[in-house]
């Protein structure tokens, strides 16, 4: 690999990271408009990272945000391994809450297309 290849790859990574953060911000705004409170963004535990953690009515919502050219492609990028990791991280997060594992929770997918439209799929991240 040449130095030019490495520079190009790092530049693509920075662009993708920025696009991901913008997508997460758009999704967080959508949830806030629906009455949710943002608890954490890019929360990291031993099991992995959760893009967004929100709360409404005592229920925690753990959100995986995916951005792609269209919603179908974004959804296709959510892999079973990621779902298991997100669920394990969510259990880790809830263990530290007052209600512990009895904390009401759900797992959503939030899809962002190439023009920034957000589609929220409630309870989309079921165990496989």
Protein backbone atom coordinates (compact mmCIF):
# COMPACT_ATOMS: atom_id res chain seq x y z
CA UNK A 1 0.00 0.00 0.00
CA UNK A 2 1.37 3.40 -0.93
CA UNK A 3 1.16 6.49 1.25
CA UNK A 4 -1.36 7.92 -1.22
CA UNK A 5 -3.65 4.90 -0.68
CA UNK A 6 -3.47 5.37 3.08
CA UNK A 7 -4.25 9.09 2.82
CA UNK A 8 -7.24 8.43 0.57
CA UNK A 9 -8.57 5.77 2.94
CA UNK A 10 -8.19 8.08 5.95
CA UNK A 11 -9.98 10.87 4.06
CA UNK A 12 -12.87 8.53 3.20
CA UNK A 13 -13.03 7.49 6.85
CA UNK A 14 -13.24 11.11 8.00
CA UNK A 15 -16.02 11.85 5.49
CA UNK A 16 -17.95 8.72 6.53
CA UNK A 17 -17.49 9.61 10.21
CA UNK A 18 -18.79 13.13 9.64
CA UNK A 19 -21.76 11.83 7.65
CA UNK A 20 -22.51 9.34 10.42
CA UNK A 21 -22.46 12.06 13.08
CA UNK A 22 -24.77 14.26 10.98
CA UNK A 23 -27.12 11.30 10.53
CA UNK A 24 -27.15 10.65 14.28
CA UNK A 25 -27.90 14.32 14.95
CA UNK A 26 -30.82 14.22 12.50
CA UNK A 27 -32.19 11.09 14.15
CA UNK A 28 -31.81 12.59 17.63
CA UNK A 29 -33.76 15.69 16.49
CA UNK A 30 -36.53 13.44 15.14
CA UNK A 31 -36.81 11.58 18.43
CA UNK A 32 -36.79 14.84 20.43
CA UNK A 33 -39.63 16.11 18.23
CA UNK A 34 -41.52 12.96 19.25
CA UNK A 35 -41.03 13.77 22.94
CA UNK A 36 -37.96 11.67 23.75
CA UNK A 37 -35.05 12.85 25.87
CA UNK A 38 -31.52 12.12 24.65
CA UNK A 39 -29.60 10.25 27.36
CA UNK A 40 -26.39 9.45 25.47
CA UNK A 41 -24.85 9.60 22.04
CA UNK A 42 -22.22 7.02 21.05
CA UNK A 43 -22.38 5.37 24.46
CA UNK A 44 -19.62 2.81 24.85
CA UNK A 45 -19.49 -0.11 27.23
CA UNK A 46 -17.47 -3.30 27.32
CA UNK A 47 -19.90 -5.00 24.90
CA UNK A 48 -19.70 -2.21 22.31
CA UNK A 49 -21.15 1.12 21.24
CA UNK A 50 -24.76 2.26 21.02
CA UNK A 51 -25.36 5.15 18.63
CA UNK A 52 -28.20 6.78 20.60
CA UNK A 53 -29.91 6.11 23.91
CA UNK A 54 -33.16 7.96 24.48
CA UNK A 55 -35.88 7.87 27.12
CA UNK A 56 -39.60 8.62 27.26
CA UNK A 57 -42.12 7.55 29.85
CA UNK A 58 -39.57 5.49 31.75
CA UNK A 59 -38.67 3.39 28.68
CA UNK A 60 -35.19 3.43 27.23
CA UNK A 61 -34.81 3.26 23.46
CA UNK A 62 -31.52 2.00 22.04
CA UNK A 63 -31.01 3.12 18.46
CA UNK A 64 -28.68 1.90 15.74
CA UNK A 65 -28.35 4.61 13.07
CA UNK A 66 -27.45 3.58 9.53
CA UNK A 67 -26.87 5.98 6.65
CA UNK A 68 -26.74 4.99 2.99
CA UNK A 69 -27.95 6.14 -0.43
CA UNK A 70 -31.46 4.87 0.36
CA UNK A 71 -33.31 3.38 3.32
CA UNK A 72 -33.25 -0.17 1.95
CA UNK A 73 -29.46 -0.13 1.63
CA UNK A 74 -29.13 1.35 5.10
CA UNK A 75 -31.32 -1.41 6.56
CA UNK A 76 -29.30 -4.08 4.76
CA UNK A 77 -26.18 -2.85 6.56
CA UNK A 78 -27.55 -3.89 9.97
CA UNK A 79 -25.99 -7.29 10.56
CA UNK A 80 -27.02 -9.97 13.08
CA UNK A 81 -23.65 -9.60 14.82
CA UNK A 82 -24.36 -5.88 15.35
CA UNK A 83 -27.80 -6.60 16.78
CA UNK A 84 -26.30 -9.01 19.32
CA UNK A 85 -23.62 -6.46 20.24
CA UNK A 86 -26.14 -3.63 20.66
CA UNK A 87 -28.42 -5.77 22.82
CA UNK A 88 -25.48 -6.86 25.01
CA UNK A 89 -24.36 -3.23 25.41
CA UNK A 90 -27.93 -2.19 26.26
CA UNK A 91 -28.10 -4.83 29.00
CA UNK A 92 -24.82 -3.49 30.35
CA UNK A 93 -26.25 0.05 30.33
CA UNK A 94 -29.49 -1.03 32.04
CA UNK A 95 -27.63 -2.95 34.74
CA UNK A 96 -26.36 0.42 35.98
CA UNK A 97 -29.88 1.93 36.11
CA UNK A 98 -32.09 2.05 39.23
CA UNK A 99 -34.47 -0.64 37.90
CA UNK A 100 -31.60 -2.75 36.58
CA UNK A 101 -32.65 -5.45 34.14
CA UNK A 102 -36.34 -4.68 34.82
CA UNK A 103 -35.90 -1.38 32.95
CA UNK A 104 -38.42 -1.16 30.07
CA UNK A 105 -36.52 -0.97 26.79
CA UNK A 106 -36.82 -1.33 23.05
CA UNK A 107 -34.39 -1.50 20.15
CA UNK A 108 -34.95 0.71 17.11
CA UNK A 109 -33.20 1.13 13.79
CA UNK A 110 -33.03 4.62 12.34
CA UNK A 111 -32.29 4.81 8.64
CA UNK A 112 -30.98 7.96 6.95
CA UNK A 113 -30.92 8.20 3.17
CA UNK A 114 -28.60 10.18 0.91
CA UNK A 115 -30.66 13.36 1.16
CA UNK A 116 -31.06 13.17 4.94
CA UNK A 117 -34.57 11.74 5.26
CA UNK A 118 -34.99 9.76 8.47
CA UNK A 119 -37.04 6.58 8.80
CA UNK A 120 -37.43 5.14 12.29
CA UNK A 121 -38.24 1.45 12.63
CA UNK A 122 -39.44 0.77 16.15
CA UNK A 123 -38.56 -2.60 17.69
CA UNK A 124 -36.58 -3.48 14.58
CA UNK A 125 -33.55 -4.99 16.29
CA UNK A 126 -34.93 -8.29 17.54
CA UNK A 127 -32.60 -11.10 18.56
CA UNK A 128 -31.63 -13.47 15.79
